[in-house]
N, C-alpha and C. Protein backbone atom coordinates (compact mmCIF):
# COMPACT_ATOMS: atom_id res chain seq x y z
N UNK A 1 -63.42 -32.19 -2.52
CA UNK A 1 -64.56 -31.36 -2.13
C UNK A 1 -64.59 -30.10 -2.99
N UNK A 2 -65.75 -29.76 -3.51
CA UNK A 2 -65.93 -28.56 -4.31
C UNK A 2 -66.44 -27.45 -3.42
N UNK A 3 -65.72 -26.35 -3.41
CA UNK A 3 -66.08 -25.20 -2.58
C UNK A 3 -66.61 -24.09 -3.48
N UNK A 4 -67.79 -23.64 -3.22
CA UNK A 4 -68.37 -22.53 -3.98
C UNK A 4 -67.89 -21.22 -3.39
N UNK A 5 -67.30 -20.38 -4.20
CA UNK A 5 -66.77 -19.10 -3.74
C UNK A 5 -67.69 -17.97 -4.20
N UNK A 6 -67.75 -16.94 -3.42
CA UNK A 6 -68.57 -15.79 -3.73
C UNK A 6 -67.66 -14.56 -3.75
N UNK A 7 -67.89 -13.68 -4.70
CA UNK A 7 -67.06 -12.49 -4.81
C UNK A 7 -67.25 -11.61 -3.59
N UNK A 8 -66.20 -10.86 -3.21
CA UNK A 8 -66.34 -9.95 -2.07
C UNK A 8 -67.50 -8.97 -2.25
N UNK A 9 -67.77 -8.56 -3.48
CA UNK A 9 -68.86 -7.62 -3.71
C UNK A 9 -70.22 -8.27 -3.44
N UNK A 10 -70.35 -9.56 -3.78
CA UNK A 10 -71.62 -10.25 -3.53
C UNK A 10 -71.89 -10.37 -2.05
N UNK A 11 -70.84 -10.74 -1.29
CA UNK A 11 -71.01 -10.86 0.15
C UNK A 11 -71.26 -9.49 0.76
N UNK A 12 -70.55 -8.46 0.27
CA UNK A 12 -70.76 -7.11 0.78
C UNK A 12 -72.20 -6.66 0.55
N UNK A 13 -72.75 -7.01 -0.60
CA UNK A 13 -74.13 -6.63 -0.91
C UNK A 13 -75.10 -7.28 0.07
N UNK A 14 -74.89 -8.56 0.36
CA UNK A 14 -75.79 -9.26 1.27
C UNK A 14 -75.73 -8.64 2.66
N UNK A 15 -74.51 -8.45 3.19
CA UNK A 15 -74.36 -7.90 4.53
C UNK A 15 -74.88 -6.48 4.61
N UNK A 16 -74.55 -5.65 3.61
CA UNK A 16 -75.01 -4.27 3.64
C UNK A 16 -76.53 -4.19 3.52
N UNK A 17 -77.11 -5.12 2.77
CA UNK A 17 -78.57 -5.14 2.66
C UNK A 17 -79.20 -5.48 3.99
N UNK A 18 -78.58 -6.44 4.70
CA UNK A 18 -79.09 -6.79 6.02
C UNK A 18 -79.04 -5.60 6.96
N UNK A 19 -77.91 -4.91 6.98
CA UNK A 19 -77.73 -3.80 7.90
C UNK A 19 -78.61 -2.60 7.54
N UNK A 20 -78.79 -2.36 6.26
CA UNK A 20 -79.57 -1.20 5.83
C UNK A 20 -81.04 -1.34 6.16
N UNK A 21 -81.47 -2.56 6.44
CA UNK A 21 -82.88 -2.78 6.74
C UNK A 21 -83.21 -2.60 8.22
N UNK A 22 -82.20 -2.35 9.04
CA UNK A 22 -82.44 -2.28 10.49
C UNK A 22 -83.50 -1.24 10.85
N UNK A 23 -83.40 -0.06 10.26
CA UNK A 23 -84.36 0.99 10.60
C UNK A 23 -85.78 0.58 10.27
N UNK A 24 -85.93 -0.04 9.11
CA UNK A 24 -87.26 -0.50 8.73
C UNK A 24 -87.76 -1.58 9.68
N UNK A 25 -86.85 -2.53 9.99
CA UNK A 25 -87.25 -3.65 10.83
C UNK A 25 -87.69 -3.17 12.20
N UNK A 26 -86.89 -2.32 12.83
CA UNK A 26 -87.22 -1.89 14.18
C UNK A 26 -88.44 -0.98 14.22
N UNK A 27 -88.72 -0.29 13.13
CA UNK A 27 -89.91 0.55 13.11
C UNK A 27 -91.19 -0.26 12.96
N UNK A 28 -91.04 -1.50 12.52
CA UNK A 28 -92.23 -2.32 12.30
C UNK A 28 -92.27 -3.54 13.21
N UNK A 29 -91.51 -3.49 14.31
CA UNK A 29 -91.44 -4.65 15.20
C UNK A 29 -92.80 -5.03 15.76
N UNK A 30 -93.58 -4.05 16.17
CA UNK A 30 -94.84 -4.36 16.83
C UNK A 30 -95.79 -5.12 15.92
N UNK A 31 -95.81 -4.76 14.64
CA UNK A 31 -96.71 -5.45 13.71
C UNK A 31 -96.15 -6.78 13.25
N UNK A 32 -94.84 -6.83 13.00
CA UNK A 32 -94.26 -8.06 12.47
C UNK A 32 -94.17 -9.15 13.52
N UNK A 33 -94.05 -8.76 14.79
CA UNK A 33 -93.93 -9.77 15.85
C UNK A 33 -95.16 -10.66 15.89
N UNK A 34 -96.31 -10.11 15.55
CA UNK A 34 -97.53 -10.90 15.59
C UNK A 34 -97.59 -11.93 14.48
N UNK A 35 -96.87 -11.70 13.38
CA UNK A 35 -96.98 -12.57 12.22
C UNK A 35 -95.76 -13.46 12.02
N UNK A 36 -94.77 -13.37 12.91
CA UNK A 36 -93.57 -14.21 12.74
C UNK A 36 -93.91 -15.68 12.95
N UNK A 37 -93.25 -16.55 12.20
CA UNK A 37 -93.42 -17.98 12.45
C UNK A 37 -92.86 -18.36 13.82
N UNK A 38 -93.24 -19.53 14.29
CA UNK A 38 -92.71 -20.06 15.54
C UNK A 38 -92.30 -21.51 15.30
N UNK A 39 -91.86 -22.16 16.37
CA UNK A 39 -91.45 -23.55 16.24
C UNK A 39 -92.59 -24.45 15.77
N UNK A 40 -93.82 -24.03 15.99
CA UNK A 40 -94.98 -24.81 15.55
C UNK A 40 -95.08 -24.83 14.02
N UNK A 41 -94.62 -23.76 13.37
CA UNK A 41 -94.73 -23.65 11.92
C UNK A 41 -93.55 -24.26 11.17
N UNK A 42 -92.55 -24.72 11.90
CA UNK A 42 -91.33 -25.20 11.26
C UNK A 42 -91.36 -26.70 10.99
N UNK A 43 -90.47 -27.12 10.13
CA UNK A 43 -90.22 -28.54 9.89
C UNK A 43 -89.03 -28.95 10.75
N UNK A 44 -89.17 -30.06 11.46
CA UNK A 44 -88.10 -30.55 12.31
C UNK A 44 -87.42 -31.73 11.65
N UNK A 45 -86.09 -31.66 11.59
CA UNK A 45 -85.32 -32.75 11.00
C UNK A 45 -84.16 -33.10 11.93
N UNK A 46 -83.70 -34.33 11.78
CA UNK A 46 -82.52 -34.78 12.50
C UNK A 46 -81.43 -35.15 11.49
N UNK A 47 -80.21 -34.78 11.79
CA UNK A 47 -79.07 -35.19 10.98
C UNK A 47 -78.09 -35.93 11.90
N UNK A 48 -77.41 -36.91 11.35
CA UNK A 48 -76.47 -37.70 12.14
C UNK A 48 -75.10 -37.03 12.14
N UNK A 49 -74.55 -36.85 13.33
CA UNK A 49 -73.24 -36.24 13.50
C UNK A 49 -72.36 -37.20 14.31
N UNK A 50 -71.05 -37.19 14.04
CA UNK A 50 -70.16 -38.00 14.88
C UNK A 50 -70.07 -37.42 16.29
N UNK A 51 -69.90 -38.29 17.26
CA UNK A 51 -69.72 -37.80 18.63
C UNK A 51 -68.51 -36.88 18.70
N UNK A 52 -67.48 -37.21 17.94
CA UNK A 52 -66.31 -36.32 17.83
C UNK A 52 -65.87 -36.23 16.39
N UNK A 53 -65.67 -35.00 15.94
CA UNK A 53 -65.14 -34.76 14.58
C UNK A 53 -63.62 -34.86 14.56
N UNK A 54 -62.99 -34.90 15.72
CA UNK A 54 -61.53 -34.76 15.79
C UNK A 54 -60.83 -35.91 16.50
N UNK A 55 -61.44 -36.47 17.56
CA UNK A 55 -60.76 -37.48 18.37
C UNK A 55 -60.58 -38.78 17.59
N UNK A 56 -59.45 -39.41 17.79
CA UNK A 56 -59.20 -40.69 17.16
C UNK A 56 -59.74 -41.82 18.03
N UNK A 57 -60.02 -42.94 17.39
CA UNK A 57 -60.45 -44.10 18.16
C UNK A 57 -61.94 -44.31 18.12
N UNK A 58 -62.45 -44.94 19.18
CA UNK A 58 -63.84 -45.39 19.20
C UNK A 58 -64.83 -44.23 19.17
N UNK A 59 -64.43 -43.04 19.66
CA UNK A 59 -65.36 -41.91 19.68
C UNK A 59 -65.77 -41.49 18.28
N UNK A 60 -64.90 -41.72 17.29
CA UNK A 60 -65.24 -41.38 15.92
C UNK A 60 -66.31 -42.32 15.36
N UNK A 61 -66.42 -43.51 15.94
CA UNK A 61 -67.40 -44.46 15.45
C UNK A 61 -68.79 -44.22 16.05
N UNK A 62 -68.85 -43.46 17.14
CA UNK A 62 -70.13 -43.16 17.77
C UNK A 62 -70.74 -41.93 17.14
N UNK A 63 -72.05 -41.83 17.21
CA UNK A 63 -72.74 -40.70 16.60
C UNK A 63 -73.91 -40.27 17.46
N UNK A 64 -74.48 -39.16 17.11
CA UNK A 64 -75.70 -38.69 17.77
C UNK A 64 -76.55 -37.98 16.73
N UNK A 65 -77.80 -37.72 17.08
CA UNK A 65 -78.73 -37.07 16.16
C UNK A 65 -78.90 -35.61 16.57
N UNK A 66 -78.53 -34.73 15.66
CA UNK A 66 -78.67 -33.29 15.91
C UNK A 66 -79.99 -32.80 15.33
N UNK A 67 -80.68 -31.99 16.11
CA UNK A 67 -82.01 -31.52 15.72
C UNK A 67 -81.92 -30.17 15.00
N UNK A 68 -82.66 -30.05 13.91
CA UNK A 68 -82.73 -28.82 13.13
C UNK A 68 -84.18 -28.35 13.04
N UNK A 69 -84.37 -27.06 13.17
CA UNK A 69 -85.68 -26.44 12.97
C UNK A 69 -85.59 -25.62 11.69
N UNK A 70 -86.42 -25.96 10.71
CA UNK A 70 -86.29 -25.38 9.37
C UNK A 70 -87.59 -24.73 8.94
N UNK A 71 -87.47 -23.52 8.41
CA UNK A 71 -88.63 -22.83 7.86
C UNK A 71 -88.29 -22.42 6.42
N UNK A 72 -89.07 -22.94 5.48
CA UNK A 72 -88.74 -22.75 4.06
C UNK A 72 -89.82 -22.00 3.27
N UNK A 73 -90.83 -21.46 3.94
CA UNK A 73 -91.92 -20.81 3.22
C UNK A 73 -91.51 -19.53 2.50
N UNK A 74 -90.42 -18.91 2.93
CA UNK A 74 -89.94 -17.70 2.26
C UNK A 74 -89.03 -18.03 1.07
N UNK A 75 -88.60 -19.25 0.97
CA UNK A 75 -87.46 -19.66 0.14
C UNK A 75 -87.90 -20.57 -0.99
N UNK A 76 -87.08 -20.65 -2.02
CA UNK A 76 -87.31 -21.61 -3.10
C UNK A 76 -85.98 -22.30 -3.41
N UNK A 77 -85.94 -23.63 -3.41
CA UNK A 77 -84.67 -24.34 -3.64
C UNK A 77 -84.17 -24.18 -5.06
N UNK A 78 -82.84 -24.25 -5.19
CA UNK A 78 -82.21 -24.24 -6.50
C UNK A 78 -82.16 -22.90 -7.19
N UNK A 79 -82.50 -21.82 -6.49
CA UNK A 79 -82.51 -20.49 -7.12
C UNK A 79 -81.44 -19.56 -6.56
N UNK A 80 -80.56 -20.08 -5.71
CA UNK A 80 -79.48 -19.26 -5.17
C UNK A 80 -79.91 -18.26 -4.12
N UNK A 81 -81.10 -18.43 -3.57
CA UNK A 81 -81.55 -17.53 -2.52
C UNK A 81 -80.78 -17.81 -1.23
N UNK A 82 -80.63 -16.81 -0.37
CA UNK A 82 -79.75 -16.97 0.80
C UNK A 82 -80.30 -17.95 1.84
N UNK A 83 -79.39 -18.40 2.68
CA UNK A 83 -79.70 -19.30 3.78
C UNK A 83 -79.24 -18.64 5.07
N UNK A 84 -80.13 -18.54 6.03
CA UNK A 84 -79.81 -17.98 7.35
C UNK A 84 -79.68 -19.15 8.33
N UNK A 85 -78.51 -19.28 8.91
CA UNK A 85 -78.25 -20.36 9.87
C UNK A 85 -78.08 -19.77 11.26
N UNK A 86 -78.92 -20.20 12.19
CA UNK A 86 -78.75 -19.80 13.59
C UNK A 86 -77.88 -20.84 14.28
N UNK A 87 -76.74 -20.40 14.79
CA UNK A 87 -75.83 -21.30 15.49
C UNK A 87 -76.28 -21.38 16.95
N UNK A 88 -77.02 -22.43 17.24
CA UNK A 88 -77.65 -22.57 18.55
C UNK A 88 -76.67 -22.59 19.70
N UNK A 89 -77.14 -22.15 20.86
CA UNK A 89 -76.29 -22.12 22.03
C UNK A 89 -76.87 -22.97 23.16
N UNK A 90 -76.68 -22.58 24.41
CA UNK A 90 -76.83 -23.48 25.54
C UNK A 90 -78.26 -23.62 26.05
N UNK A 91 -79.18 -23.95 25.18
CA UNK A 91 -80.57 -24.21 25.54
C UNK A 91 -81.23 -25.00 24.41
N UNK A 92 -82.39 -25.60 24.68
CA UNK A 92 -83.14 -26.20 23.57
C UNK A 92 -83.40 -25.14 22.50
N UNK A 93 -83.35 -25.54 21.25
CA UNK A 93 -83.37 -24.59 20.15
C UNK A 93 -84.70 -23.84 20.04
N UNK A 94 -85.78 -24.41 20.60
CA UNK A 94 -87.07 -23.71 20.55
C UNK A 94 -86.99 -22.32 21.19
N UNK A 95 -86.15 -22.18 22.20
CA UNK A 95 -86.02 -20.89 22.88
C UNK A 95 -85.58 -19.80 21.93
N UNK A 96 -84.75 -20.15 20.96
CA UNK A 96 -84.25 -19.16 20.01
C UNK A 96 -85.20 -19.00 18.82
N UNK A 97 -85.82 -20.08 18.42
CA UNK A 97 -86.80 -19.99 17.34
C UNK A 97 -87.92 -19.03 17.71
N UNK A 98 -88.40 -19.13 18.93
CA UNK A 98 -89.58 -18.37 19.36
C UNK A 98 -89.26 -17.00 19.95
N UNK A 99 -87.99 -16.68 20.09
CA UNK A 99 -87.64 -15.38 20.69
C UNK A 99 -86.67 -14.59 19.85
N UNK A 100 -86.51 -14.96 18.59
CA UNK A 100 -85.64 -14.24 17.67
C UNK A 100 -86.50 -13.40 16.74
N UNK A 101 -86.18 -12.12 16.61
CA UNK A 101 -87.00 -11.24 15.78
C UNK A 101 -86.35 -10.82 14.49
N UNK A 102 -85.16 -10.23 14.58
CA UNK A 102 -84.52 -9.66 13.40
C UNK A 102 -84.27 -10.69 12.31
N UNK A 103 -83.84 -11.86 12.70
CA UNK A 103 -83.54 -12.91 11.72
C UNK A 103 -84.79 -13.29 10.93
N UNK A 104 -85.93 -13.41 11.61
CA UNK A 104 -87.18 -13.72 10.92
C UNK A 104 -87.58 -12.61 9.96
N UNK A 105 -87.47 -11.36 10.40
CA UNK A 105 -87.89 -10.25 9.56
C UNK A 105 -87.02 -10.11 8.31
N UNK A 106 -85.72 -10.29 8.49
CA UNK A 106 -84.82 -10.21 7.34
C UNK A 106 -85.04 -11.38 6.39
N UNK A 107 -85.31 -12.54 6.94
CA UNK A 107 -85.54 -13.72 6.10
C UNK A 107 -86.75 -13.53 5.20
N UNK A 108 -87.79 -12.94 5.74
CA UNK A 108 -88.98 -12.73 4.93
C UNK A 108 -88.71 -11.78 3.78
N UNK A 109 -88.02 -10.70 4.05
CA UNK A 109 -87.76 -9.70 3.01
C UNK A 109 -86.75 -10.17 1.98
N UNK A 110 -85.84 -11.07 2.38
CA UNK A 110 -84.79 -11.54 1.47
C UNK A 110 -85.06 -12.95 0.94
N UNK A 111 -86.24 -13.50 1.25
CA UNK A 111 -86.63 -14.83 0.75
C UNK A 111 -85.60 -15.89 1.13
N UNK A 112 -85.20 -15.89 2.39
CA UNK A 112 -84.15 -16.79 2.85
C UNK A 112 -84.72 -18.06 3.48
N UNK A 113 -83.95 -19.12 3.37
CA UNK A 113 -84.23 -20.34 4.12
C UNK A 113 -83.73 -20.12 5.55
N UNK A 114 -84.54 -20.45 6.53
CA UNK A 114 -84.18 -20.26 7.93
C UNK A 114 -83.90 -21.62 8.57
N UNK A 115 -82.71 -21.77 9.12
CA UNK A 115 -82.32 -23.02 9.76
C UNK A 115 -81.78 -22.72 11.15
N UNK A 116 -82.45 -23.25 12.16
CA UNK A 116 -81.96 -23.16 13.53
C UNK A 116 -81.33 -24.51 13.87
N UNK A 117 -80.03 -24.51 14.11
CA UNK A 117 -79.34 -25.75 14.45
C UNK A 117 -79.14 -25.82 15.96
N UNK A 118 -79.52 -26.93 16.55
CA UNK A 118 -79.42 -27.07 17.99
C UNK A 118 -78.01 -27.48 18.40
N UNK A 119 -77.54 -26.90 19.50
CA UNK A 119 -76.21 -27.20 20.03
C UNK A 119 -76.21 -28.61 20.62
N UNK A 120 -75.14 -29.35 20.36
CA UNK A 120 -75.01 -30.69 20.93
C UNK A 120 -75.11 -30.67 22.45
N UNK A 121 -75.69 -31.72 23.00
CA UNK A 121 -75.89 -31.91 24.44
C UNK A 121 -77.02 -31.06 25.01
N UNK A 122 -77.84 -30.44 24.16
CA UNK A 122 -78.97 -29.65 24.64
C UNK A 122 -80.24 -30.06 23.89
N UNK A 123 -81.39 -29.84 24.56
CA UNK A 123 -82.67 -30.10 23.92
C UNK A 123 -82.82 -31.53 23.46
N UNK A 124 -83.13 -31.69 22.17
CA UNK A 124 -83.29 -33.01 21.59
C UNK A 124 -82.05 -33.51 20.89
N UNK A 125 -80.89 -32.90 21.18
CA UNK A 125 -79.63 -33.26 20.52
C UNK A 125 -78.62 -33.82 21.52
N UNK A 126 -79.10 -34.65 22.42
CA UNK A 126 -78.24 -35.21 23.47
C UNK A 126 -77.76 -36.59 23.05
N UNK A 127 -76.45 -36.80 23.02
CA UNK A 127 -75.93 -38.12 22.63
C UNK A 127 -76.22 -39.18 23.70
N UNK A 128 -76.20 -40.43 23.27
CA UNK A 128 -76.25 -41.55 24.21
C UNK A 128 -74.83 -41.75 24.74
N UNK A 129 -74.60 -41.29 25.95
CA UNK A 129 -73.23 -41.26 26.46
C UNK A 129 -73.01 -42.22 27.63
N UNK A 130 -74.00 -43.04 27.93
CA UNK A 130 -73.82 -44.02 29.01
C UNK A 130 -72.64 -44.93 28.69
N UNK A 131 -71.70 -45.01 29.63
CA UNK A 131 -70.54 -45.86 29.43
C UNK A 131 -69.45 -45.26 28.59
N UNK A 132 -69.64 -44.03 28.10
CA UNK A 132 -68.63 -43.38 27.28
C UNK A 132 -67.61 -42.69 28.19
N UNK A 133 -66.37 -43.01 28.01
CA UNK A 133 -65.31 -42.42 28.83
C UNK A 133 -65.15 -40.94 28.47
N UNK A 134 -64.99 -40.11 29.51
CA UNK A 134 -64.83 -38.67 29.31
C UNK A 134 -65.95 -38.10 28.44
N UNK A 135 -67.18 -38.45 28.76
CA UNK A 135 -68.31 -38.13 27.88
C UNK A 135 -68.50 -36.63 27.69
N UNK A 136 -68.17 -35.83 28.68
CA UNK A 136 -68.37 -34.38 28.54
C UNK A 136 -67.26 -33.70 27.75
N UNK A 137 -66.22 -34.44 27.42
CA UNK A 137 -65.13 -33.83 26.63
C UNK A 137 -65.59 -33.50 25.22
N UNK A 138 -66.71 -34.08 24.78
CA UNK A 138 -67.22 -33.81 23.43
C UNK A 138 -68.23 -32.67 23.42
N UNK A 139 -68.45 -32.09 24.58
CA UNK A 139 -69.28 -30.88 24.68
C UNK A 139 -68.35 -29.68 24.63
N UNK A 140 -68.09 -29.19 23.42
CA UNK A 140 -67.14 -28.09 23.25
C UNK A 140 -67.57 -27.22 22.08
N UNK A 141 -67.08 -25.99 22.07
CA UNK A 141 -67.39 -25.09 20.95
C UNK A 141 -66.76 -25.60 19.66
N UNK A 142 -65.60 -26.26 19.76
CA UNK A 142 -64.96 -26.78 18.55
C UNK A 142 -65.82 -27.85 17.89
N UNK A 143 -66.35 -28.77 18.71
CA UNK A 143 -67.20 -29.82 18.16
C UNK A 143 -68.51 -29.24 17.62
N UNK A 144 -69.06 -28.24 18.34
CA UNK A 144 -70.31 -27.62 17.88
C UNK A 144 -70.11 -26.93 16.54
N UNK A 145 -68.99 -26.24 16.37
CA UNK A 145 -68.71 -25.57 15.09
C UNK A 145 -68.60 -26.59 13.97
N UNK A 146 -67.95 -27.70 14.24
CA UNK A 146 -67.83 -28.74 13.21
C UNK A 146 -69.20 -29.31 12.85
N UNK A 147 -70.08 -29.41 13.85
CA UNK A 147 -71.46 -29.83 13.56
C UNK A 147 -72.12 -28.86 12.59
N UNK A 148 -71.98 -27.57 12.85
CA UNK A 148 -72.64 -26.56 12.02
C UNK A 148 -72.07 -26.54 10.61
N UNK A 149 -70.78 -26.76 10.48
CA UNK A 149 -70.18 -26.84 9.13
C UNK A 149 -70.77 -28.03 8.38
N UNK A 150 -70.95 -29.14 9.07
CA UNK A 150 -71.56 -30.31 8.45
C UNK A 150 -72.99 -30.03 8.01
N UNK A 151 -73.73 -29.27 8.83
CA UNK A 151 -75.10 -28.90 8.47
C UNK A 151 -75.10 -28.06 7.19
N UNK A 152 -74.18 -27.11 7.08
CA UNK A 152 -74.10 -26.27 5.89
C UNK A 152 -73.81 -27.10 4.65
N UNK A 153 -72.92 -28.06 4.76
CA UNK A 153 -72.61 -28.93 3.62
C UNK A 153 -73.86 -29.66 3.15
N UNK A 154 -74.67 -30.13 4.08
CA UNK A 154 -75.89 -30.83 3.71
C UNK A 154 -76.88 -29.90 3.02
N UNK A 155 -77.03 -28.69 3.56
CA UNK A 155 -77.99 -27.74 3.00
C UNK A 155 -77.59 -27.33 1.59
N UNK A 156 -76.29 -27.23 1.37
CA UNK A 156 -75.80 -26.81 0.04
C UNK A 156 -75.74 -27.97 -0.95
N UNK A 157 -76.21 -29.12 -0.57
CA UNK A 157 -76.22 -30.26 -1.49
C UNK A 157 -77.44 -30.18 -2.40
N UNK A 158 -77.40 -30.96 -3.47
CA UNK A 158 -78.53 -30.97 -4.40
C UNK A 158 -79.78 -31.56 -3.75
N UNK A 159 -79.59 -32.41 -2.74
CA UNK A 159 -80.73 -33.00 -2.05
C UNK A 159 -81.57 -31.94 -1.35
N UNK A 160 -80.90 -30.93 -0.78
CA UNK A 160 -81.60 -29.87 -0.06
C UNK A 160 -81.92 -28.68 -0.96
N UNK A 161 -81.21 -28.56 -2.09
CA UNK A 161 -81.49 -27.46 -3.02
C UNK A 161 -80.80 -26.16 -2.70
N UNK A 162 -79.75 -26.22 -1.87
CA UNK A 162 -79.06 -24.99 -1.50
C UNK A 162 -77.79 -24.72 -2.29
N UNK A 163 -77.61 -25.39 -3.43
CA UNK A 163 -76.42 -25.13 -4.24
C UNK A 163 -76.41 -23.67 -4.71
N UNK A 164 -75.25 -23.04 -4.59
CA UNK A 164 -75.12 -21.66 -5.05
C UNK A 164 -75.69 -20.63 -4.11
N UNK A 165 -76.17 -21.04 -2.95
CA UNK A 165 -76.74 -20.09 -1.99
C UNK A 165 -75.68 -19.60 -1.01
N UNK A 166 -75.70 -18.32 -0.73
CA UNK A 166 -74.83 -17.77 0.31
C UNK A 166 -75.43 -18.11 1.67
N UNK A 167 -74.57 -18.39 2.63
CA UNK A 167 -75.01 -18.73 3.99
C UNK A 167 -74.54 -17.64 4.94
N UNK A 168 -75.47 -17.09 5.71
CA UNK A 168 -75.16 -16.09 6.72
C UNK A 168 -75.47 -16.71 8.08
N UNK A 169 -74.48 -16.69 8.98
CA UNK A 169 -74.66 -17.24 10.32
C UNK A 169 -75.15 -16.16 11.28
N UNK A 170 -76.15 -16.50 12.07
CA UNK A 170 -76.70 -15.61 13.08
C UNK A 170 -76.50 -16.25 14.46
N UNK A 171 -76.42 -15.41 15.48
CA UNK A 171 -76.35 -15.92 16.84
C UNK A 171 -76.29 -14.80 17.84
N UNK A 172 -76.71 -15.09 19.06
CA UNK A 172 -76.66 -14.11 20.12
C UNK A 172 -75.96 -14.67 21.34
N UNK A 173 -75.22 -13.82 22.05
CA UNK A 173 -74.46 -14.22 23.23
C UNK A 173 -73.46 -15.31 22.82
N UNK A 174 -73.47 -16.46 23.51
CA UNK A 174 -72.57 -17.55 23.12
C UNK A 174 -72.81 -17.97 21.67
N UNK A 175 -74.07 -17.98 21.24
CA UNK A 175 -74.36 -18.30 19.85
C UNK A 175 -73.75 -17.29 18.88
N UNK A 176 -73.67 -16.02 19.30
CA UNK A 176 -73.01 -15.01 18.48
C UNK A 176 -71.52 -15.25 18.38
N UNK A 177 -70.93 -15.72 19.48
CA UNK A 177 -69.52 -16.10 19.44
C UNK A 177 -69.31 -17.23 18.43
N UNK A 178 -70.23 -18.20 18.45
CA UNK A 178 -70.11 -19.32 17.52
C UNK A 178 -70.23 -18.86 16.07
N UNK A 179 -71.17 -17.95 15.79
CA UNK A 179 -71.32 -17.48 14.40
C UNK A 179 -70.09 -16.71 13.95
N UNK A 180 -69.47 -15.95 14.86
CA UNK A 180 -68.25 -15.22 14.51
C UNK A 180 -67.09 -16.18 14.30
N UNK A 181 -66.92 -17.13 15.22
CA UNK A 181 -65.84 -18.10 15.08
C UNK A 181 -66.01 -18.95 13.83
N UNK A 182 -67.25 -19.25 13.49
CA UNK A 182 -67.49 -20.05 12.30
C UNK A 182 -67.02 -19.31 11.05
N UNK A 183 -67.30 -18.02 11.00
CA UNK A 183 -66.86 -17.22 9.85
C UNK A 183 -65.33 -17.11 9.81
N UNK A 184 -64.70 -17.01 10.98
CA UNK A 184 -63.25 -16.89 11.05
C UNK A 184 -62.56 -18.21 10.73
N UNK A 185 -63.05 -19.29 11.31
CA UNK A 185 -62.38 -20.59 11.20
C UNK A 185 -62.79 -21.40 9.98
N UNK A 186 -64.02 -21.15 9.49
CA UNK A 186 -64.53 -21.90 8.34
C UNK A 186 -65.11 -20.94 7.30
N UNK A 187 -64.27 -20.07 6.74
CA UNK A 187 -64.80 -19.08 5.78
C UNK A 187 -65.37 -19.70 4.52
N UNK A 188 -65.01 -20.95 4.23
CA UNK A 188 -65.59 -21.62 3.06
C UNK A 188 -67.02 -22.05 3.31
N UNK A 189 -67.41 -22.13 4.59
CA UNK A 189 -68.74 -22.63 4.93
C UNK A 189 -69.78 -21.54 5.02
N UNK A 190 -69.40 -20.38 5.57
CA UNK A 190 -70.36 -19.28 5.70
C UNK A 190 -69.77 -18.03 5.05
N UNK A 191 -70.64 -17.26 4.45
CA UNK A 191 -70.23 -16.08 3.70
C UNK A 191 -70.30 -14.81 4.52
N UNK A 192 -70.88 -14.89 5.69
CA UNK A 192 -70.97 -13.73 6.56
C UNK A 192 -71.54 -14.14 7.90
N UNK A 193 -71.39 -13.27 8.88
CA UNK A 193 -71.91 -13.56 10.21
C UNK A 193 -72.60 -12.33 10.78
N UNK A 194 -73.68 -12.55 11.52
CA UNK A 194 -74.41 -11.47 12.19
C UNK A 194 -74.51 -11.80 13.68
N UNK A 195 -73.41 -11.61 14.43
CA UNK A 195 -73.47 -11.91 15.87
C UNK A 195 -74.05 -10.73 16.65
N UNK A 196 -74.77 -11.05 17.71
CA UNK A 196 -75.36 -10.03 18.55
C UNK A 196 -75.02 -10.32 20.01
N UNK A 197 -74.65 -9.27 20.74
CA UNK A 197 -74.41 -9.37 22.18
C UNK A 197 -73.43 -10.49 22.49
N UNK A 198 -72.34 -10.54 21.73
CA UNK A 198 -71.38 -11.62 21.91
C UNK A 198 -70.01 -11.06 22.28
N UNK A 199 -69.23 -11.89 22.96
CA UNK A 199 -67.87 -11.54 23.37
C UNK A 199 -66.89 -12.33 22.52
N UNK A 200 -65.84 -11.68 22.09
CA UNK A 200 -64.85 -12.34 21.27
C UNK A 200 -63.50 -12.50 21.95
N UNK A 201 -63.24 -11.70 22.99
CA UNK A 201 -61.95 -11.73 23.67
C UNK A 201 -62.20 -12.01 25.15
N UNK A 202 -61.48 -12.95 25.71
CA UNK A 202 -61.66 -13.27 27.13
C UNK A 202 -61.18 -12.11 28.00
N UNK A 203 -61.94 -11.85 29.05
CA UNK A 203 -61.59 -10.79 29.98
C UNK A 203 -61.03 -11.40 31.26
N UNK A 204 -59.98 -10.79 31.80
CA UNK A 204 -59.39 -11.29 33.03
C UNK A 204 -59.61 -10.29 34.18
């Protein structure tokens, strides 16, 4: 496997650019909210994922179709422009597509590809689990993260035109935890994370 590496300065530039735009973004929320794309404007795709990325045996042979919501009007393939990946959480992905503001505004200004990946077992990404033993054991953050890493590999392929593009993971609440964990556990897959309203340490 060939892993594309980015210099710390390049990643720092992307993250600092995102953060420096906050004042502008929040000052123009009222006008930009009216012009943001929604799930109606996106392209919907399905990618095949294994029911389990880790378990041995028959579960590795089973698969399900994960739903992606993609908006590419700001972006051009093959030019190294950034990719914004929303790590979906515990609802159909439309809920996040239609209620996310900052990610849309930053994507427009930075000419980013926007990809909302739906969490397994939610929305249109529910496996066929009839007759599957311990079927809910594959509903886990570990499996979801592996799904998202697989999505990034596909986007960075020549087929999708994302070669050489930095990937920034976005998420809120549980989705923010996923974007943070993805950066920590799979640093080769994402170059930065923008989690919002997320918890990283369990409270007792």
